[in-house]
Amino acid sequence: MTESCVEEGASASAKADRWREVLAEHGRSGLTVKQFCQERGITQWAFYAWRKRLREEGTVRFALVERGRVRLEPAAAKLELILTTGERLRIGVGVDGATLRTVLEALRV
């Protein structure tokens, strides 16, 4: 995929959605931005510009919600993030690093 392939012939909303996917792929990849962009034929400039643009929008496109009562002892959560919206993200011991990166990237977008 090249930068122009992402942008040509697509509406602004479709471009933004595609770049959200690209940014999420990067979060899951474990690669540096430079490596990721080289592998996909994307300029680093476009990557950083879209990441900044999408962060500034500040809208969350989805949220993972567990139904029912979550049984997490307060001591089991070693880290708790409190989002500006008031929601709390409790991160327990032994959480998978790749999963956590994916969740945090989704929250940034």
N, C-alpha and C. Protein backbone atom coordinates (compact mmCIF):
# COMPACT_ATOMS: atom_id res chain seq x y z
N MET A 1 0.85 -1.17 0.00
CA MET A 1 0.00 0.00 0.00
C MET A 1 0.89 1.23 0.00
N THR A 2 0.58 2.16 -0.83
CA THR A 2 1.31 3.42 -0.83
C THR A 2 0.43 4.49 -0.26
N GLU A 3 1.05 5.57 0.09
CA GLU A 3 0.29 6.69 0.65
C GLU A 3 -0.83 7.11 -0.29
N SER A 4 -0.53 7.16 -1.58
CA SER A 4 -1.55 7.60 -2.54
C SER A 4 -2.68 6.58 -2.65
N CYS A 5 -2.37 5.29 -2.45
CA CYS A 5 -3.42 4.28 -2.51
C CYS A 5 -4.42 4.47 -1.38
N VAL A 6 -3.94 4.92 -0.24
CA VAL A 6 -4.83 5.13 0.89
C VAL A 6 -5.75 6.29 0.61
N GLU A 7 -5.25 7.31 -0.09
CA GLU A 7 -6.00 8.55 -0.21
C GLU A 7 -6.78 8.71 -1.52
N GLU A 8 -6.34 8.10 -2.60
CA GLU A 8 -7.00 8.33 -3.89
C GLU A 8 -8.39 7.72 -3.93
N GLY A 9 -9.34 8.48 -4.43
CA GLY A 9 -10.68 7.98 -4.70
C GLY A 9 -11.50 7.64 -3.47
N ALA A 10 -11.14 8.15 -2.35
CA ALA A 10 -11.89 7.84 -1.13
C ALA A 10 -12.42 9.12 -0.51
N SER A 11 -13.57 8.99 0.14
CA SER A 11 -14.12 10.14 0.85
C SER A 11 -13.24 10.43 2.06
N ALA A 12 -13.42 11.60 2.64
CA ALA A 12 -12.63 11.98 3.81
C ALA A 12 -12.85 10.99 4.95
N SER A 13 -14.09 10.55 5.13
CA SER A 13 -14.40 9.60 6.19
C SER A 13 -13.74 8.25 5.92
N ALA A 14 -13.77 7.80 4.67
CA ALA A 14 -13.15 6.53 4.31
C ALA A 14 -11.64 6.60 4.49
N LYS A 15 -11.04 7.74 4.13
CA LYS A 15 -9.59 7.91 4.33
C LYS A 15 -9.24 7.82 5.80
N ALA A 16 -10.02 8.52 6.62
CA ALA A 16 -9.77 8.52 8.06
C ALA A 16 -9.92 7.10 8.62
N ASP A 17 -10.96 6.39 8.18
CA ASP A 17 -11.16 5.01 8.64
C ASP A 17 -9.99 4.12 8.24
N ARG A 18 -9.52 4.29 7.00
CA ARG A 18 -8.38 3.48 6.55
C ARG A 18 -7.13 3.79 7.36
N TRP A 19 -6.90 5.06 7.64
CA TRP A 19 -5.72 5.42 8.42
C TRP A 19 -5.85 4.94 9.86
N ARG A 20 -7.05 4.88 10.40
CA ARG A 20 -7.25 4.30 11.73
C ARG A 20 -6.81 2.83 11.72
N GLU A 21 -7.19 2.13 10.65
CA GLU A 21 -6.78 0.73 10.51
C GLU A 21 -5.26 0.62 10.42
N VAL A 22 -4.64 1.49 9.62
CA VAL A 22 -3.18 1.47 9.46
C VAL A 22 -2.51 1.71 10.81
N LEU A 23 -2.99 2.68 11.57
CA LEU A 23 -2.39 2.98 12.87
C LEU A 23 -2.58 1.83 13.85
N ALA A 24 -3.73 1.18 13.80
CA ALA A 24 -3.96 0.02 14.66
C ALA A 24 -3.04 -1.13 14.26
N GLU A 25 -2.85 -1.33 12.95
CA GLU A 25 -1.93 -2.36 12.47
C GLU A 25 -0.53 -2.10 13.00
N HIS A 26 -0.11 -0.84 12.97
CA HIS A 26 1.20 -0.50 13.50
C HIS A 26 1.30 -0.86 14.97
N GLY A 27 0.26 -0.54 15.74
CA GLY A 27 0.26 -0.86 17.16
C GLY A 27 0.41 -2.35 17.43
N ARG A 28 -0.18 -3.17 16.58
CA ARG A 28 -0.09 -4.62 16.74
C ARG A 28 1.21 -5.20 16.20
N SER A 29 1.86 -4.47 15.33
CA SER A 29 3.02 -5.01 14.61
C SER A 29 4.28 -5.17 15.45
N GLY A 30 4.45 -4.30 16.43
CA GLY A 30 5.68 -4.33 17.22
C GLY A 30 6.87 -3.71 16.49
N LEU A 31 6.64 -3.15 15.32
CA LEU A 31 7.69 -2.52 14.53
C LEU A 31 7.83 -1.05 14.88
N THR A 32 9.00 -0.50 14.58
CA THR A 32 9.16 0.95 14.70
C THR A 32 8.35 1.59 13.58
N VAL A 33 8.08 2.88 13.71
CA VAL A 33 7.35 3.60 12.67
C VAL A 33 8.11 3.51 11.35
N LYS A 34 9.42 3.69 11.42
CA LYS A 34 10.24 3.65 10.21
C LYS A 34 10.13 2.29 9.51
N GLN A 35 10.27 1.20 10.27
CA GLN A 35 10.17 -0.14 9.68
C GLN A 35 8.78 -0.38 9.10
N PHE A 36 7.77 -0.02 9.86
CA PHE A 36 6.39 -0.24 9.44
C PHE A 36 6.10 0.50 8.13
N CYS A 37 6.50 1.77 8.08
CA CYS A 37 6.23 2.57 6.89
C CYS A 37 7.00 2.04 5.69
N GLN A 38 8.24 1.64 5.89
CA GLN A 38 9.02 1.08 4.79
C GLN A 38 8.37 -0.17 4.23
N GLU A 39 7.92 -1.06 5.12
CA GLU A 39 7.28 -2.31 4.67
C GLU A 39 6.00 -2.07 3.89
N ARG A 40 5.28 -1.01 4.20
CA ARG A 40 4.00 -0.75 3.56
C ARG A 40 4.03 0.35 2.50
N GLY A 41 5.20 0.92 2.28
CA GLY A 41 5.31 1.96 1.26
C GLY A 41 4.61 3.25 1.63
N ILE A 42 4.58 3.55 2.92
CA ILE A 42 3.94 4.77 3.43
C ILE A 42 5.05 5.72 3.85
N THR A 43 4.88 7.01 3.59
CA THR A 43 5.89 7.95 4.07
C THR A 43 5.68 8.16 5.57
N GLN A 44 6.78 8.35 6.29
CA GLN A 44 6.68 8.62 7.71
C GLN A 44 5.92 9.92 7.95
N TRP A 45 6.12 10.87 7.05
CA TRP A 45 5.42 12.15 7.17
C TRP A 45 3.91 11.92 7.18
N ALA A 46 3.40 11.11 6.25
CA ALA A 46 1.96 10.84 6.19
C ALA A 46 1.50 10.10 7.45
N PHE A 47 2.29 9.14 7.89
CA PHE A 47 1.94 8.38 9.09
C PHE A 47 1.75 9.32 10.29
N TYR A 48 2.76 10.16 10.54
CA TYR A 48 2.69 11.06 11.69
C TYR A 48 1.60 12.12 11.52
N ALA A 49 1.42 12.61 10.29
CA ALA A 49 0.39 13.63 10.05
C ALA A 49 -1.00 13.06 10.33
N TRP A 50 -1.27 11.84 9.85
CA TRP A 50 -2.57 11.22 10.09
C TRP A 50 -2.75 10.86 11.55
N ARG A 51 -1.70 10.39 12.20
CA ARG A 51 -1.82 10.05 13.61
C ARG A 51 -2.19 11.30 14.42
N LYS A 52 -1.52 12.40 14.12
CA LYS A 52 -1.82 13.66 14.83
C LYS A 52 -3.25 14.11 14.52
N ARG A 53 -3.62 14.06 13.26
CA ARG A 53 -4.95 14.50 12.84
C ARG A 53 -6.05 13.69 13.54
N LEU A 54 -5.86 12.37 13.58
CA LEU A 54 -6.89 11.52 14.18
C LEU A 54 -6.92 11.66 15.70
N ARG A 55 -5.78 11.90 16.32
CA ARG A 55 -5.77 12.13 17.77
C ARG A 55 -6.50 13.41 18.11
N GLU A 56 -6.36 14.43 17.27
CA GLU A 56 -7.00 15.72 17.54
C GLU A 56 -8.51 15.65 17.39
N GLU A 57 -9.00 14.70 16.61
CA GLU A 57 -10.46 14.55 16.48
C GLU A 57 -11.08 14.19 17.82
N GLY A 58 -10.38 13.39 18.59
CA GLY A 58 -10.82 13.08 19.95
C GLY A 58 -12.05 12.20 20.06
N THR A 59 -12.51 11.62 18.98
CA THR A 59 -13.68 10.77 19.08
C THR A 59 -13.26 9.31 19.19
N VAL A 60 -13.97 8.57 20.00
CA VAL A 60 -13.73 7.14 20.12
C VAL A 60 -14.70 6.44 19.19
N ARG A 61 -14.18 5.58 18.32
CA ARG A 61 -15.00 4.90 17.33
C ARG A 61 -15.70 3.67 17.89
N PHE A 62 -15.13 3.06 18.92
CA PHE A 62 -15.73 1.89 19.51
C PHE A 62 -15.25 1.77 20.95
N ALA A 63 -15.92 0.95 21.68
CA ALA A 63 -15.49 0.67 23.04
C ALA A 63 -15.77 -0.80 23.33
N LEU A 64 -14.83 -1.45 23.95
CA LEU A 64 -14.99 -2.84 24.34
C LEU A 64 -15.72 -2.84 25.68
N VAL A 65 -16.86 -3.50 25.72
CA VAL A 65 -17.67 -3.52 26.94
C VAL A 65 -17.93 -4.96 27.31
N GLU A 66 -17.64 -5.30 28.55
CA GLU A 66 -17.96 -6.63 29.05
C GLU A 66 -19.30 -6.55 29.76
N ARG A 67 -20.18 -7.45 29.41
CA ARG A 67 -21.47 -7.49 30.07
C ARG A 67 -21.34 -8.28 31.36
N GLY A 68 -22.14 -7.91 32.32
CA GLY A 68 -22.10 -8.61 33.60
C GLY A 68 -21.06 -8.00 34.52
N ARG A 69 -20.98 -8.57 35.67
CA ARG A 69 -20.06 -8.06 36.70
C ARG A 69 -18.66 -8.57 36.43
N VAL A 70 -17.73 -7.66 36.41
CA VAL A 70 -16.32 -8.02 36.27
C VAL A 70 -15.77 -8.18 37.67
N ARG A 71 -15.20 -9.32 37.94
CA ARG A 71 -14.69 -9.58 39.29
C ARG A 71 -13.18 -9.40 39.30
N LEU A 72 -12.81 -8.21 39.65
CA LEU A 72 -11.40 -7.87 39.72
C LEU A 72 -11.15 -7.30 41.11
N GLU A 73 -10.34 -7.97 41.85
CA GLU A 73 -9.98 -7.46 43.16
C GLU A 73 -9.14 -6.21 42.98
N PRO A 74 -9.34 -5.16 43.78
CA PRO A 74 -8.53 -3.96 43.65
C PRO A 74 -7.03 -4.23 43.68
N ALA A 75 -6.59 -5.19 44.48
CA ALA A 75 -5.16 -5.49 44.57
C ALA A 75 -4.65 -6.16 43.31
N ALA A 76 -5.54 -6.78 42.51
CA ALA A 76 -5.11 -7.50 41.31
C ALA A 76 -4.72 -6.53 40.19
N ALA A 77 -5.27 -5.33 40.22
CA ALA A 77 -4.94 -4.34 39.20
C ALA A 77 -3.70 -3.57 39.66
N LYS A 78 -2.61 -3.76 38.94
CA LYS A 78 -1.36 -3.08 39.31
C LYS A 78 -1.30 -1.67 38.75
N LEU A 79 -2.14 -1.40 37.74
CA LEU A 79 -2.13 -0.09 37.11
C LEU A 79 -3.56 0.28 36.76
N GLU A 80 -3.92 1.52 37.01
CA GLU A 80 -5.26 1.99 36.66
C GLU A 80 -5.12 3.31 35.93
N LEU A 81 -5.68 3.37 34.71
CA LEU A 81 -5.71 4.60 33.94
C LEU A 81 -7.10 5.20 34.06
N ILE A 82 -7.15 6.48 34.38
CA ILE A 82 -8.43 7.17 34.45
C ILE A 82 -8.48 8.11 33.25
N LEU A 83 -9.42 7.83 32.34
CA LEU A 83 -9.54 8.61 31.12
C LEU A 83 -10.22 9.94 31.40
N THR A 84 -10.06 10.89 30.51
CA THR A 84 -10.66 12.21 30.70
C THR A 84 -12.19 12.13 30.75
N THR A 85 -12.76 11.08 30.22
CA THR A 85 -14.20 10.90 30.24
C THR A 85 -14.69 10.30 31.56
N GLY A 86 -13.74 9.90 32.43
CA GLY A 86 -14.10 9.33 33.71
C GLY A 86 -14.03 7.81 33.77
N GLU A 87 -14.00 7.16 32.62
CA GLU A 87 -13.88 5.70 32.63
C GLU A 87 -12.51 5.31 33.19
N ARG A 88 -12.49 4.12 33.76
CA ARG A 88 -11.24 3.60 34.34
C ARG A 88 -10.84 2.34 33.59
N LEU A 89 -9.57 2.24 33.31
CA LEU A 89 -9.00 1.06 32.66
C LEU A 89 -8.05 0.44 33.67
N ARG A 90 -8.42 -0.72 34.19
CA ARG A 90 -7.58 -1.41 35.17
C ARG A 90 -6.77 -2.47 34.45
N ILE A 91 -5.48 -2.44 34.65
CA ILE A 91 -4.57 -3.35 33.97
C ILE A 91 -3.97 -4.27 35.02
N GLY A 92 -4.30 -5.54 34.91
CA GLY A 92 -3.86 -6.51 35.88
C GLY A 92 -2.48 -7.08 35.59
N VAL A 93 -2.01 -7.85 36.53
CA VAL A 93 -0.73 -8.51 36.39
C VAL A 93 -0.84 -9.56 35.28
N GLY A 94 0.18 -9.64 34.45
CA GLY A 94 0.22 -10.67 33.42
C GLY A 94 -0.56 -10.33 32.15
N VAL A 95 -0.98 -9.07 31.98
CA VAL A 95 -1.70 -8.70 30.76
C VAL A 95 -0.76 -8.85 29.55
N ASP A 96 -1.31 -9.31 28.46
CA ASP A 96 -0.54 -9.48 27.23
C ASP A 96 -0.16 -8.11 26.68
N GLY A 97 1.13 -7.90 26.44
CA GLY A 97 1.64 -6.61 25.99
C GLY A 97 1.05 -6.17 24.66
N ALA A 98 0.89 -7.11 23.72
CA ALA A 98 0.35 -6.77 22.40
C ALA A 98 -1.10 -6.32 22.52
N THR A 99 -1.86 -6.99 23.37
CA THR A 99 -3.26 -6.62 23.57
C THR A 99 -3.35 -5.23 24.20
N LEU A 100 -2.51 -4.97 25.19
CA LEU A 100 -2.51 -3.66 25.83
C LEU A 100 -2.15 -2.57 24.84
N ARG A 101 -1.15 -2.79 23.98
CA ARG A 101 -0.78 -1.80 22.96
C ARG A 101 -1.95 -1.52 22.03
N THR A 102 -2.67 -2.57 21.64
CA THR A 102 -3.82 -2.40 20.75
C THR A 102 -4.91 -1.57 21.40
N VAL A 103 -5.19 -1.84 22.66
CA VAL A 103 -6.22 -1.09 23.38
C VAL A 103 -5.80 0.37 23.53
N LEU A 104 -4.56 0.60 23.92
CA LEU A 104 -4.09 1.99 24.10
C LEU A 104 -4.08 2.74 22.78
N GLU A 105 -3.70 2.08 21.70
CA GLU A 105 -3.73 2.75 20.39
C GLU A 105 -5.16 3.10 20.00
N ALA A 106 -6.10 2.21 20.29
CA ALA A 106 -7.50 2.48 19.97
C ALA A 106 -8.02 3.67 20.78
N LEU A 107 -7.56 3.80 22.00
CA LEU A 107 -8.00 4.92 22.84
C LEU A 107 -7.39 6.24 22.34
N ARG A 108 -6.21 6.20 21.75
CA ARG A 108 -5.58 7.41 21.24
C ARG A 108 -6.24 7.93 19.97
N VAL A 109 -6.80 7.04 19.20
CA VAL A 109 -7.36 7.42 17.89
C VAL A 109 -8.64 8.16 18.03
